[in-house]
C-alpha atoms as a PDB file:
ATOM      1  CA  MET A   1     -15.122  -1.382  -2.348  1.00  0.00           C
ATOM      2  CA  THR A   2     -13.114  -4.553  -2.467  1.00  0.00           C
ATOM      3  CA  ILE A   3      -9.998  -5.154  -4.521  1.00  0.00           C
ATOM      4  CA  SER A   4     -11.623  -6.690  -7.563  1.00  0.00           C
ATOM      5  CA  ALA A   5      -9.062  -6.045 -10.289  1.00  0.00           C
ATOM      6  CA  HIS A   6      -5.354  -6.526 -10.755  1.00  0.00           C
ATOM      7  CA  LEU A   7      -2.956  -3.647 -11.186  1.00  0.00           C
ATOM      8  CA  THR A   8      -2.687  -2.124 -14.614  1.00  0.00           C
ATOM      9  CA  THR A   9       0.145   0.221 -13.634  1.00  0.00           C
ATOM     10  CA  PHE A  10       2.687   0.384 -10.837  1.00  0.00           C
ATOM     11  CA  ALA A  11       5.269   3.101 -10.191  1.00  0.00           C
ATOM     12  CA  GLY A  12       4.196   4.761 -13.416  1.00  0.00           C
ATOM     13  CA  GLN A  13       4.767   1.730 -15.628  1.00  0.00           C
ATOM     14  CA  PRO A  14       2.308  -0.685 -17.275  1.00  0.00           C
ATOM     15  CA  VAL A  15       1.700  -4.083 -15.683  1.00  0.00           C
ATOM     16  CA  GLN A  16       0.825  -7.200 -17.640  1.00  0.00           C
ATOM     17  CA  ASP A  17       0.667 -10.922 -16.929  1.00  0.00           C
ATOM     18  CA  TRP A  18       3.773 -12.931 -17.687  1.00  0.00           C
ATOM     19  CA  GLN A  19       3.303 -15.848 -20.053  1.00  0.00           C
ATOM     20  CA  PRO A  20       6.211 -17.879 -21.474  1.00  0.00           C
ATOM     21  CA  ASP A  21       4.817 -17.291 -24.985  1.00  0.00           C
ATOM     22  CA  SER A  22       4.345 -13.554 -24.468  1.00  0.00           C
ATOM     23  CA  GLY A  23       7.111 -12.684 -26.900  1.00  0.00           C
ATOM     24  CA  PRO A  24      10.221 -10.588 -26.314  1.00  0.00           C
ATOM     25  CA  ILE A  25      10.812  -9.074 -22.881  1.00  0.00           C
ATOM     26  CA  GLU A  26       9.963  -5.377 -22.676  1.00  0.00           C
ATOM     27  CA  PRO A  27      12.177  -3.988 -19.893  1.00  0.00           C
ATOM     28  CA  THR A  28       9.813  -1.184 -18.929  1.00  0.00           C
ATOM     29  CA  ILE A  29       6.788  -3.474 -18.602  1.00  0.00           C
ATOM     30  CA  PHE A  30       6.341  -4.745 -15.061  1.00  0.00           C
ATOM     31  CA  TYR A  31       5.372  -8.392 -15.475  1.00  0.00           C
ATOM     32  CA  ARG A  32       2.973  -9.994 -13.026  1.00  0.00           C
ATOM     33  CA  VAL A  33       4.118 -13.503 -12.137  1.00  0.00           C
ATOM     34  CA  SER A  34       1.322 -15.675 -10.744  1.00  0.00           C
ATOM     35  CA  LEU A  35       0.891 -19.305  -9.790  1.00  0.00           C
ATOM     36  CA  VAL A  36      -2.583 -20.221 -10.983  1.00  0.00           C
ATOM     37  CA  TYR A  37      -4.744 -22.660  -9.043  1.00  0.00           C
ATOM     38  CA  ASP A  38      -4.403 -25.625 -11.411  1.00  0.00           C
ATOM     39  CA  ALA A  39      -0.611 -25.320 -11.499  1.00  0.00           C
ATOM     40  CA  ALA A  40      -0.475 -25.161  -7.698  1.00  0.00           C
ATOM     41  CA  GLU A  41      -2.674 -28.250  -7.466  1.00  0.00           C
ATOM     42  CA  SER A  42      -0.259 -30.112  -9.733  1.00  0.00           C
ATOM     43  CA  GLY A  43       2.654 -29.360  -7.391  1.00  0.00           C
ATOM     44  CA  GLN A  44       4.235 -26.331  -9.036  1.00  0.00           C
ATOM     45  CA  GLN A  45       5.505 -23.425  -6.959  1.00  0.00           C
ATOM     46  CA  TRP A  46       5.594 -19.700  -7.632  1.00  0.00           C
ATOM     47  CA  SER A  47       9.365 -19.915  -7.999  1.00  0.00           C
ATOM     48  CA  ASP A  48       8.911 -22.226 -11.007  1.00  0.00           C
ATOM     49  CA  CYS A  49       6.911 -19.541 -12.826  1.00  0.00           C
ATOM     50  CA  PHE A  50       9.457 -16.913 -11.806  1.00  0.00           C
ATOM     51  CA  ALA A  51      12.309 -19.093 -13.105  1.00  0.00           C
ATOM     52  CA  GLU A  52      10.661 -19.207 -16.533  1.00  0.00           C
ATOM     53  CA  LEU A  53      10.692 -15.425 -16.622  1.00  0.00           C
ATOM     54  CA  LEU A  54      14.309 -15.229 -15.484  1.00  0.00           C
ATOM     55  CA  ASP A  55      15.352 -17.693 -18.207  1.00  0.00           C
ATOM     56  CA  HIS A  56      13.639 -15.682 -20.943  1.00  0.00           C
ATOM     57  CA  PRO A  57      16.020 -13.655 -23.140  1.00  0.00           C
ATOM     58  CA  GLY A  58      16.213 -10.058 -21.992  1.00  0.00           C
ATOM     59  CA  ALA A  59      15.045 -10.699 -18.424  1.00  0.00           C
ATOM     60  CA  GLU A  60      18.214  -9.153 -17.037  1.00  0.00           C
ATOM     61  CA  ALA A  61      16.945  -5.737 -18.180  1.00  0.00           C
ATOM     62  CA  LEU A  62      13.670  -5.926 -16.227  1.00  0.00           C
ATOM     63  CA  GLU A  63      12.965  -2.886 -14.058  1.00  0.00           C
ATOM     64  CA  GLY A  64       9.919  -4.127 -12.132  1.00  0.00           C
ATOM     65  CA  ILE A  65       8.277  -7.323 -10.895  1.00  0.00           C
ATOM     66  CA  VAL A  66       4.698  -7.741  -9.679  1.00  0.00           C
ATOM     67  CA  VAL A  67       4.051 -10.843  -7.594  1.00  0.00           C
ATOM     68  CA  GLY A  68       0.556 -12.211  -8.057  1.00  0.00           C
ATOM     69  CA  THR A  69      -0.970 -15.322  -6.513  1.00  0.00           C
ATOM     70  CA  TRP A  70       1.481 -17.811  -5.038  1.00  0.00           C
ATOM     71  CA  GLY A  71      -0.578 -20.854  -4.026  1.00  0.00           C
ATOM     72  CA  GLU A  72      -1.895 -21.330  -0.498  1.00  0.00           C
ATOM     73  CA  MET A  73      -1.973 -17.630   0.308  1.00  0.00           C
ATOM     74  CA  PHE A  74      -4.497 -17.896   3.117  1.00  0.00           C
ATOM     75  CA  ASP A  75      -3.106 -20.557   5.434  1.00  0.00           C
ATOM     76  CA  ASP A  76       0.575 -21.143   4.757  1.00  0.00           C
ATOM     77  CA  GLN A  77       3.138 -18.448   5.588  1.00  0.00           C
ATOM     78  CA  GLU A  78       5.890 -20.668   4.203  1.00  0.00           C
ATOM     79  CA  GLU A  79       4.574 -20.054   0.689  1.00  0.00           C
ATOM     80  CA  ALA A  80       5.146 -16.305   1.037  1.00  0.00           C
ATOM     81  CA  THR A  81       8.574 -16.951   2.549  1.00  0.00           C
ATOM     82  CA  ARG A  82       9.524 -19.017  -0.503  1.00  0.00           C
ATOM     83  CA  VAL A  83       8.443 -16.143  -2.766  1.00  0.00           C
ATOM     84  CA  VAL A  84      10.709 -13.741  -0.891  1.00  0.00           C
ATOM     85  CA  GLU A  85      13.559 -16.261  -1.012  1.00  0.00           C
ATOM     86  CA  ALA A  86      13.164 -16.610  -4.791  1.00  0.00           C
ATOM     87  CA  LEU A  87      13.232 -12.829  -5.276  1.00  0.00           C
ATOM     88  CA  VAL A  88      16.347 -12.533  -3.120  1.00  0.00           C
ATOM     89  CA  ALA A  89      18.082 -15.397  -4.927  1.00  0.00           C
ATOM     90  CA  ALA A  90      17.512 -13.622  -8.255  1.00  0.00           C
ATOM     91  CA  ARG A  91      19.264 -10.398  -7.262  1.00  0.00           C
ATOM     92  CA  ASP A  92      22.322 -10.951  -9.470  1.00  0.00           C
ATOM     93  CA  ARG A  93      20.106 -11.782 -12.443  1.00  0.00           C
ATOM     94  CA  LEU A  94      18.021  -8.605 -12.117  1.00  0.00           C
ATOM     95  CA  PRO A  95      20.589  -5.797 -11.881  1.00  0.00           C
ATOM     96  CA  GLN A  96      18.117  -3.166 -13.179  1.00  0.00           C
ATOM     97  CA  LEU A  97      15.240  -4.024 -10.851  1.00  0.00           C
ATOM     98  CA  ARG A  98      13.868  -0.929  -9.134  1.00  0.00           C
ATOM     99  CA  ALA A  99      10.236  -1.818  -8.314  1.00  0.00           C
ATOM    100  CA  ILE A 100       8.513  -4.735  -6.570  1.00  0.00           C
ATOM    101  CA  PHE A 101       4.824  -5.173  -5.754  1.00  0.00           C
ATOM    102  CA  LEU A 102       4.272  -8.198  -3.521  1.00  0.00           C
ATOM    103  CA  GLY A 103       0.717  -9.508  -3.507  1.00  0.00           C
ATOM    104  CA  ASP A 104      -1.320  -8.228  -6.455  1.00  0.00           C
ATOM    105  CA  ILE A 105      -4.199 -10.429  -5.326  1.00  0.00           C
ATOM    106  CA  THR A 106      -7.916  -9.768  -5.814  1.00  0.00           C
ATOM    107  CA  TYR A 107     -10.609 -10.617  -3.283  1.00  0.00           C
ATOM    108  CA  GLU A 108     -11.749 -13.531  -5.477  1.00  0.00           C
ATOM    109  CA  GLU A 109      -8.260 -15.027  -5.211  1.00  0.00           C
ATOM    110  CA  CYS A 110      -7.849 -14.289  -1.491  1.00  0.00           C
ATOM    111  CA  GLU A 111      -9.381 -11.656   0.766  1.00  0.00           C
ATOM    112  CA  ILE A 112      -6.815  -9.078   1.859  1.00  0.00           C
ATOM    113  CA  SER A 113      -7.200  -9.964   5.543  1.00  0.00           C
ATOM    114  CA  TRP A 114      -6.609 -13.649   4.811  1.00  0.00           C
ATOM    115  CA  ILE A 115      -3.301 -13.242   2.967  1.00  0.00           C
ATOM    116  CA  GLN A 116      -0.507 -14.824   4.986  1.00  0.00           C
ATOM    117  CA  ASN A 117       2.584 -12.753   4.452  1.00  0.00           C
ATOM    118  CA  THR A 118       6.104 -12.970   5.827  1.00  0.00           C
ATOM    119  CA  ASP A 119       9.302 -11.104   6.712  1.00  0.00           C
ATOM    120  CA  VAL A 120      10.133  -9.122   3.579  1.00  0.00           C
ATOM    121  CA  SER A 121      13.236  -7.399   4.975  1.00  0.00           C
ATOM    122  CA  PRO A 122      15.695  -9.556   2.956  1.00  0.00           C
ATOM    123  CA  ILE A 123      14.379  -7.909  -0.216  1.00  0.00           C
ATOM    124  CA  PHE A 124      15.678  -4.496   0.847  1.00  0.00           C
ATOM    125  CA  ASP A 125      19.157  -5.861   1.491  1.00  0.00           C
ATOM    126  CA  ALA A 126      19.176  -7.781  -1.793  1.00  0.00           C
ATOM    127  CA  TYR A 127      18.201  -4.792  -3.958  1.00  0.00           C
ATOM    128  CA  PRO A 128      20.074  -1.638  -2.887  1.00  0.00           C
ATOM    129  CA  ALA A 129      18.840   0.164  -6.027  1.00  0.00           C
ATOM    130  CA  LEU A 130      15.160  -0.532  -5.244  1.00  0.00           C
ATOM    131  CA  GLU A 131      13.040   2.615  -5.507  1.00  0.00           C
ATOM    132  CA  HIS A 132       9.454   1.366  -5.152  1.00  0.00           C
ATOM    133  CA  PHE A 133       8.075  -1.341  -2.877  1.00  0.00           C
ATOM    134  CA  ALA A 134       4.464  -2.197  -2.108  1.00  0.00           C
ATOM    135  CA  VAL A 135       2.950  -5.146  -0.294  1.00  0.00           C
ATOM    136  CA  ARG A 136      -0.644  -6.307   0.122  1.00  0.00           C
ATOM    137  CA  GLY A 137      -1.684  -8.316   3.174  1.00  0.00           C
ATOM    138  CA  ALA A 138      -0.369  -7.745   6.692  1.00  0.00           C
ATOM    139  CA  ASN A 139      -0.822 -11.093   8.462  1.00  0.00           C
ATOM    140  CA  GLY A 140       2.659 -12.220   9.440  1.00  0.00           C
ATOM    141  CA  LEU A 141       4.202  -9.249   7.633  1.00  0.00           C
ATOM    142  CA  ARG A 142       7.438  -7.811   8.936  1.00  0.00           C
ATOM    143  CA  LEU A 143       9.595  -5.081   7.414  1.00  0.00           C
ATOM    144  CA  GLY A 144      12.424  -5.471   9.904  1.00  0.00           C
ATOM    145  CA  ALA A 145      14.923  -2.754  10.780  1.00  0.00           C
ATOM    146  CA  LEU A 146      14.336  -0.982   7.494  1.00  0.00           C
ATOM    147  CA  ARG A 147      17.266   1.014   6.161  1.00  0.00           C
ATOM    148  CA  HIS A 148      17.520   1.863   2.495  1.00  0.00           C
ATOM    149  CA  GLN A 149      19.202   4.750   0.702  1.00  0.00           C
ATOM    150  CA  ARG A 150      17.267   4.673  -2.578  1.00  0.00           C
ATOM    151  CA  LEU A 151      13.687   3.719  -1.685  1.00  0.00           C
ATOM    152  CA  ARG A 152      11.324   6.472  -2.876  1.00  0.00           C
ATOM    153  CA  SER A 153       7.911   4.887  -2.281  1.00  0.00           C
ATOM    154  CA  LEU A 154       6.618   2.438   0.307  1.00  0.00           C
ATOM    155  CA  ALA A 155       3.039   1.151   0.512  1.00  0.00           C
ATOM    156  CA  VAL A 156       1.498  -1.370   2.903  1.00  0.00           C
ATOM    157  CA  GLN A 157      -2.048  -2.359   2.003  1.00  0.00           C
ATOM    158  CA  SER A 158      -4.075  -4.174   4.644  1.00  0.00           C
ATOM    159  CA  GLY A 159      -7.530  -4.612   6.088  1.00  0.00           C
ATOM    160  CA  GLY A 160      -6.056  -4.057   9.550  1.00  0.00           C
ATOM    161  CA  LEU A 161      -2.527  -2.829  10.238  1.00  0.00           C
ATOM    162  CA  ASP A 162      -0.799  -4.105  13.362  1.00  0.00           C
ATOM    163  CA  ALA A 163       0.970  -1.388  15.348  1.00  0.00           C
ATOM    164  CA  ALA A 164       4.203  -3.394  15.188  1.00  0.00           C
ATOM    165  CA  ILE A 165       4.360  -2.781  11.436  1.00  0.00           C
ATOM    166  CA  THR A 166       3.620   0.904  11.891  1.00  0.00           C
ATOM    167  CA  HIS A 167       6.474   1.086  14.404  1.00  0.00           C
ATOM    168  CA  GLU A 168       8.831  -0.524  11.885  1.00  0.00           C
ATOM    169  CA  VAL A 169       7.824   2.085   9.313  1.00  0.00           C
ATOM    170  CA  SER A 170       8.141   5.033  11.689  1.00  0.00           C
ATOM    171  CA  ALA A 171      11.585   3.846  12.809  1.00  0.00           C
ATOM    172  CA  ALA A 172      12.842   3.245   9.267  1.00  0.00           C
ATOM    173  CA  GLU A 173      15.808   5.114   7.862  1.00  0.00           C
ATOM    174  CA  LEU A 174      14.656   6.073   4.374  1.00  0.00           C
ATOM    175  CA  PRO A 175      16.289   9.380   3.421  1.00  0.00           C
ATOM    176  CA  ALA A 176      14.963   9.283  -0.169  1.00  0.00           C
ATOM    177  CA  LEU A 177      11.350   8.424   0.697  1.00  0.00           C
ATOM    178  CA  GLU A 178       8.818  10.624  -1.105  1.00  0.00           C
ATOM    179  CA  HIS A 179       5.639   8.498  -0.973  1.00  0.00           C
ATOM    180  CA  LEU A 180       4.391   6.696   2.141  1.00  0.00           C
ATOM    181  CA  GLU A 181       1.055   4.886   2.059  1.00  0.00           C
ATOM    182  CA  LEU A 182      -0.430   2.863   4.920  1.00  0.00           C
ATOM    183  CA  TRP A 183      -3.841   1.180   4.810  1.00  0.00           C
ATOM    184  CA  LEU A 184      -4.811   1.080   8.482  1.00  0.00           C
ATOM    185  CA  GLY A 185      -8.049  -0.888   8.258  1.00  0.00           C
ATOM    186  CA  THR A 186     -10.101  -1.920  11.263  1.00  0.00           C
ATOM    187  CA  SER A 187      -9.606  -3.588  14.627  1.00  0.00           C
ATOM    188  CA  GLU A 188     -11.959  -6.356  13.501  1.00  0.00           C
ATOM    189  CA  TYR A 189      -9.293  -7.504  11.063  1.00  0.00           C
ATOM    190  CA  GLY A 190      -6.189  -6.974  13.150  1.00  0.00           C
ATOM    191  CA  GLY A 191      -5.738  -3.232  13.022  1.00  0.00           C
ATOM    192  CA  THR A 192      -4.112  -2.013  16.244  1.00  0.00           C
ATOM    193  CA  THR A 193      -2.434   1.168  14.960  1.00  0.00           C
ATOM    194  CA  THR A 194      -3.434   4.231  16.986  1.00  0.00           C
ATOM    195  CA  LEU A 195      -2.795   7.930  16.583  1.00  0.00           C
ATOM    196  CA  ASP A 196       0.120   7.665  19.025  1.00  0.00           C
ATOM    197  CA  ASP A 197       1.736   5.076  16.748  1.00  0.00           C
ATOM    198  CA  LEU A 198       1.528   7.539  13.847  1.00  0.00           C
ATOM    199  CA  ALA A 199       3.025  10.444  15.805  1.00  0.00           C
ATOM    200  CA  PRO A 200       6.618   9.994  14.537  1.00  0.00           C
ATOM    201  CA  ILE A 201       5.364  10.117  10.948  1.00  0.00           C
ATOM    202  CA  LEU A 202       3.175  13.163  11.549  1.00  0.00           C
ATOM    203  CA  SER A 203       6.075  14.947  13.257  1.00  0.00           C
ATOM    204  CA  GLY A 204       7.688  15.508   9.870  1.00  0.00           C
ATOM    205  CA  THR A 205      11.164  14.611  11.093  1.00  0.00           C
ATOM    206  CA  ARG A 206      11.404  11.002   9.941  1.00  0.00           C
ATOM    207  CA  PHE A 207      11.254  11.400   6.162  1.00  0.00           C
ATOM    208  CA  PRO A 208      12.482  14.843   5.057  1.00  0.00           C
ATOM    209  CA  LYS A 209      11.706  14.324   1.357  1.00  0.00           C
ATOM    210  CA  LEU A 210       8.150  13.083   1.860  1.00  0.00           C
ATOM    211  CA  THR A 211       5.667  14.778  -0.490  1.00  0.00           C
ATOM    212  CA  TYR A 212       2.788  12.255  -0.357  1.00  0.00           C
ATOM    213  CA  LEU A 213       1.349  10.807   2.832  1.00  0.00           C
ATOM    214  CA  GLY A 214      -1.507   8.328   2.668  1.00  0.00           C
ATOM    215  CA  LEU A 215      -3.114   7.231   5.939  1.00  0.00           C
ATOM    216  CA  ARG A 216      -5.907   5.405   4.209  1.00  0.00           C
ATOM    217  CA  ASP A 217      -8.763   2.989   4.854  1.00  0.00           C
ATOM    218  CA  SER A 218      -8.944   3.946   8.523  1.00  0.00           C
ATOM    219  CA  GLU A 219     -11.798   3.545  10.987  1.00  0.00           C
ATOM    220  CA  ILE A 220     -10.286   6.433  13.012  1.00  0.00           C
ATOM    221  CA  ALA A 221     -10.097   8.798  10.042  1.00  0.00           C
ATOM    222  CA  ASP A 222     -11.680  11.698  11.969  1.00  0.00           C
ATOM    223  CA  VAL A 223      -9.068  11.390  14.713  1.00  0.00           C
ATOM    224  CA  ILE A 224      -6.244  11.197  12.196  1.00  0.00           C
ATOM    225  CA  ALA A 225      -7.575  14.179  10.262  1.00  0.00           C
ATOM    226  CA  GLY A 226      -7.741  16.245  13.436  1.00  0.00           C
ATOM    227  CA  ALA A 227      -4.096  15.515  14.188  1.00  0.00           C
ATOM    228  CA  ALA A 228      -2.880  15.771  10.600  1.00  0.00           C
ATOM    229  CA  ALA A 229      -4.461  19.198  10.153  1.00  0.00           C
ATOM    230  CA  THR A 230      -1.862  20.778  12.445  1.00  0.00           C
ATOM    231  CA  ALA A 231       0.955  18.266  11.999  1.00  0.00           C
ATOM    232  CA  PRO A 232       4.422  19.525  11.037  1.00  0.00           C
ATOM    233  CA  VAL A 233       4.615  16.947   8.233  1.00  0.00           C
ATOM    234  CA  LEU A 234       2.193  19.102   6.209  1.00  0.00           C
ATOM    235  CA  ASP A 235       4.914  21.706   5.774  1.00  0.00           C
ATOM    236  CA  HIS A 236       6.579  19.642   3.046  1.00  0.00           C
ATOM    237  CA  LEU A 237       3.683  17.549   1.704  1.00  0.00           C
ATOM    238  CA  ARG A 238       2.050  18.137  -1.654  1.00  0.00           C
ATOM    239  CA  ILE A 239      -0.644  15.461  -1.218  1.00  0.00           C
ATOM    240  CA  LEU A 240      -2.479  14.315   1.903  1.00  0.00           C
ATOM    241  CA  ASP A 241      -4.529  11.181   1.304  1.00  0.00           C
ATOM    242  CA  LEU A 242      -7.118  10.168   3.914  1.00  0.00           C
ATOM    243  CA  SER A 243      -9.282   8.250   1.462  1.00  0.00           C
ATOM    244  CA  LEU A 244     -11.083   4.896   1.789  1.00  0.00           C
ATOM    245  CA  GLY A 245     -11.898   5.462   5.468  1.00  0.00           C
ATOM    246  CA  THR A 246     -14.669   6.778   7.698  1.00  0.00           C
ATOM    247  CA  LEU A 247     -13.938  10.506   7.539  1.00  0.00           C
ATOM    248  CA  GLY A 248     -16.937  12.659   8.487  1.00  0.00           C
ATOM    249  CA  ASP A 249     -17.698  16.295   9.179  1.00  0.00           C
ATOM    250  CA  GLN A 250     -15.679  16.385  12.407  1.00  0.00           C
ATOM    251  CA  GLY A 251     -12.402  15.477  10.734  1.00  0.00           C
ATOM    252  CA  ALA A 252     -13.217  17.456   7.613  1.00  0.00           C
ATOM    253  CA  ALA A 253     -13.825  20.593   9.678  1.00  0.00           C
ATOM    254  CA  ALA A 254     -10.337  20.314  11.148  1.00  0.00           C
ATOM    255  CA  LEU A 255      -8.871  20.003   7.649  1.00  0.00           C
ATOM    256  CA  LEU A 256     -10.916  22.948   6.436  1.00  0.00           C
ATOM    257  CA  ALA A 257      -9.632  25.157   9.256  1.00  0.00           C
ATOM    258  CA  SER A 258      -5.980  24.346   8.594  1.00  0.00           C
ATOM    259  CA  PRO A 259      -3.867  26.918   6.686  1.00  0.00           C
ATOM    260  CA  ALA A 260      -1.361  24.134   5.951  1.00  0.00           C
ATOM    261  CA  VAL A 261      -4.033  22.012   4.257  1.00  0.00           C
ATOM    262  CA  ALA A 262      -4.949  24.983   2.061  1.00  0.00           C
ATOM    263  CA  ARG A 263      -1.335  25.084   0.860  1.00  0.00           C
ATOM    264  CA  LEU A 264      -1.377  21.478  -0.370  1.00  0.00           C
ATOM    265  CA  GLU A 265      -1.673  20.626  -4.036  1.00  0.00           C
ATOM    266  CA  LYS A 266      -4.243  17.899  -3.339  1.00  0.00           C
ATOM    267  CA  LEU A 267      -6.410  16.550  -0.538  1.00  0.00           C
ATOM    268  CA  ASP A 268      -7.903  13.116  -1.190  1.00  0.00           C
ATOM    269  CA  ILE A 269     -10.784  11.942   0.999  1.00  0.00           C
ATOM    270  CA  HIS A 270     -12.704   9.793  -1.494  1.00  0.00           C
ATOM    271  CA  HIS A 271     -14.948   7.220   0.153  1.00  0.00           C
ATOM    272  CA  HIS A 272     -16.052   9.416   3.044  1.00  0.00           C
ATOM    273  CA  TYR A 273     -19.068  10.224   5.221  1.00  0.00           C
ATOM    274  CA  CYS A 274     -19.091  14.013   4.997  1.00  0.00           C
ATOM    275  CA  SER A 275     -22.288  15.993   4.534  1.00  0.00           C
ATOM    276  CA  THR A 276     -23.034  17.683   1.217  1.00  0.00           C
ATOM    277  CA  ASP A 277     -22.516  21.066   2.851  1.00  0.00           C
ATOM    278  CA  MET A 278     -19.064  20.028   4.081  1.00  0.00           C
ATOM    279  CA  VAL A 279     -18.162  18.678   0.648  1.00  0.00           C
ATOM    280  CA  GLU A 280     -19.018  22.041  -0.884  1.00  0.00           C
ATOM    281  CA  ARG A 281     -16.906  23.849   1.689  1.00  0.00           C
ATOM    282  CA  LEU A 282     -13.938  21.570   1.049  1.00  0.00           C
ATOM    283  CA  GLN A 283     -14.261  22.130  -2.678  1.00  0.00           C
ATOM    284  CA  GLY A 284     -13.817  25.821  -1.960  1.00  0.00           C
ATOM    285  CA  LEU A 285     -10.347  25.362  -0.454  1.00  0.00           C
ATOM    286  CA  GLY A 286      -8.690  26.463  -3.674  1.00  0.00           C
ATOM    287  CA  ILE A 287      -6.746  23.215  -4.132  1.00  0.00           C
ATOM    288  CA  GLU A 288      -7.602  19.924  -5.800  1.00  0.00           C
ATOM    289  CA  VAL A 289      -9.914  17.976  -3.472  1.00  0.00           C
ATOM    290  CA  ASP A 290     -11.243  14.494  -4.277  1.00  0.00           C
ATOM    291  CA  THR A 291     -14.574  14.161  -2.478  1.00  0.00           C
ATOM    292  CA  SER A 292     -15.975  11.379  -4.635  1.00  0.00           C
ATOM    293  CA  GLU A 293     -17.722   8.297  -3.231  1.00  0.00           C
ATOM    294  CA  GLN A 294     -19.834  10.067  -0.637  1.00  0.00           C
ATOM    295  CA  GLU A 295     -21.195   7.320   1.626  1.00  0.00           C
ATOM    296  CA  GLU A 296     -24.144   7.230   4.023  1.00  0.00           C
ATOM    297  CA  GLU A 297     -24.041   5.777   7.510  1.00  0.00           C
ATOM    298  CA  ASP A 298     -25.952   2.595   8.240  1.00  0.00           C
ATOM    299  CA  GLU A 299     -28.366   2.601  11.145  1.00  0.00           C
ATOM    300  CA  ASP A 300     -29.438  -0.356  13.259  1.00  0.00           C
ATOM    301  CA  ALA A 301     -31.354  -0.249  16.542  1.00  0.00           C
ATOM    302  CA  GLY A 302     -30.500   3.409  16.982  1.00  0.00           C
ATOM    303  CA  GLU A 303     -26.777   2.888  16.379  1.00  0.00           C
ATOM    304  CA  ARG A 304     -25.019   4.438  13.382  1.00  0.00           C
ATOM    305  CA  TYR A 305     -22.194   2.703  11.569  1.00  0.00           C
ATOM    306  CA  ARG A 306     -19.481   3.691   9.113  1.00  0.00           C
ATOM    307  CA  TYR A 307     -17.296   1.278   7.186  1.00  0.00           C
ATOM    308  CA  VAL A 308     -13.862   1.473   5.653  1.00  0.00           C
ATOM    309  CA  SER A 309     -13.594   0.601   2.000  1.00  0.00           C
ATOM    310  CA  VAL A 310     -11.344  -2.452   2.373  1.00  0.00           C
ATOM    311  CA  SER A 311     -11.381  -4.665   5.457  1.00  0.00           C
ATOM    312  CA  GLU A 312     -11.963  -8.399   5.075  1.00  0.00           C
END
């Protein structure tokens, strides 16, 4: 799977493209602001499109913003920095803003591993009432010394997550966090996060209100599953999401043997490499289990290969 479609919802609210002639602002619609190719070629910047939205009557009531394409996403980090600067500069004009998605970009617009991101930490200082933040693309991404009292969900989507970002997440002070989602990706596209880097998260002490943990799109899904199956964090989770990765029978067996997994509301492993027999056994856990997208290993010259869902 690649990311072939834009968001239709985010944080439980509908997403739609912003157009100056769209009509009256609907506060509970999360508008996607994008700089299309032709406009970028003519010299416009993403902040120009954003300014049109801010100047529209009723914009001050907006609760969510989705940032789409912003120009030279694949080779110019300064473009992403200017997007962050524009969001920060608008803080007094968006007093109701509680959700930001940075980088709703499809593979046709820019592959996830090519997106050049930036330090997004100023956003958290600018919006103390922010509850939901997600970002796509990890090249150049930094979260900084993340401290936020209201943030309830945090998602980092990547084709390869650098351990430095994982360390920033695991060291964050987020007392209200309920949903944590990390796309770990592969080493081929910059993923350096190991099981040791995830240990503070799995310990269950960092985020006491966490009910959803997604360690997704990982080439070490079996290793993560083995550790997660007995991790203290399961004691207060409702959903464990190990989807989009390379999970096989080894990791699934560890999950199956875990009493804590059997107490979850949902286990999500969709896009996996488990055998049909293992799928049937998981379906017998007595909880909701998503075992869709059963994949088959590739074989070449006697070697067998598994692939994460999103990498390049």
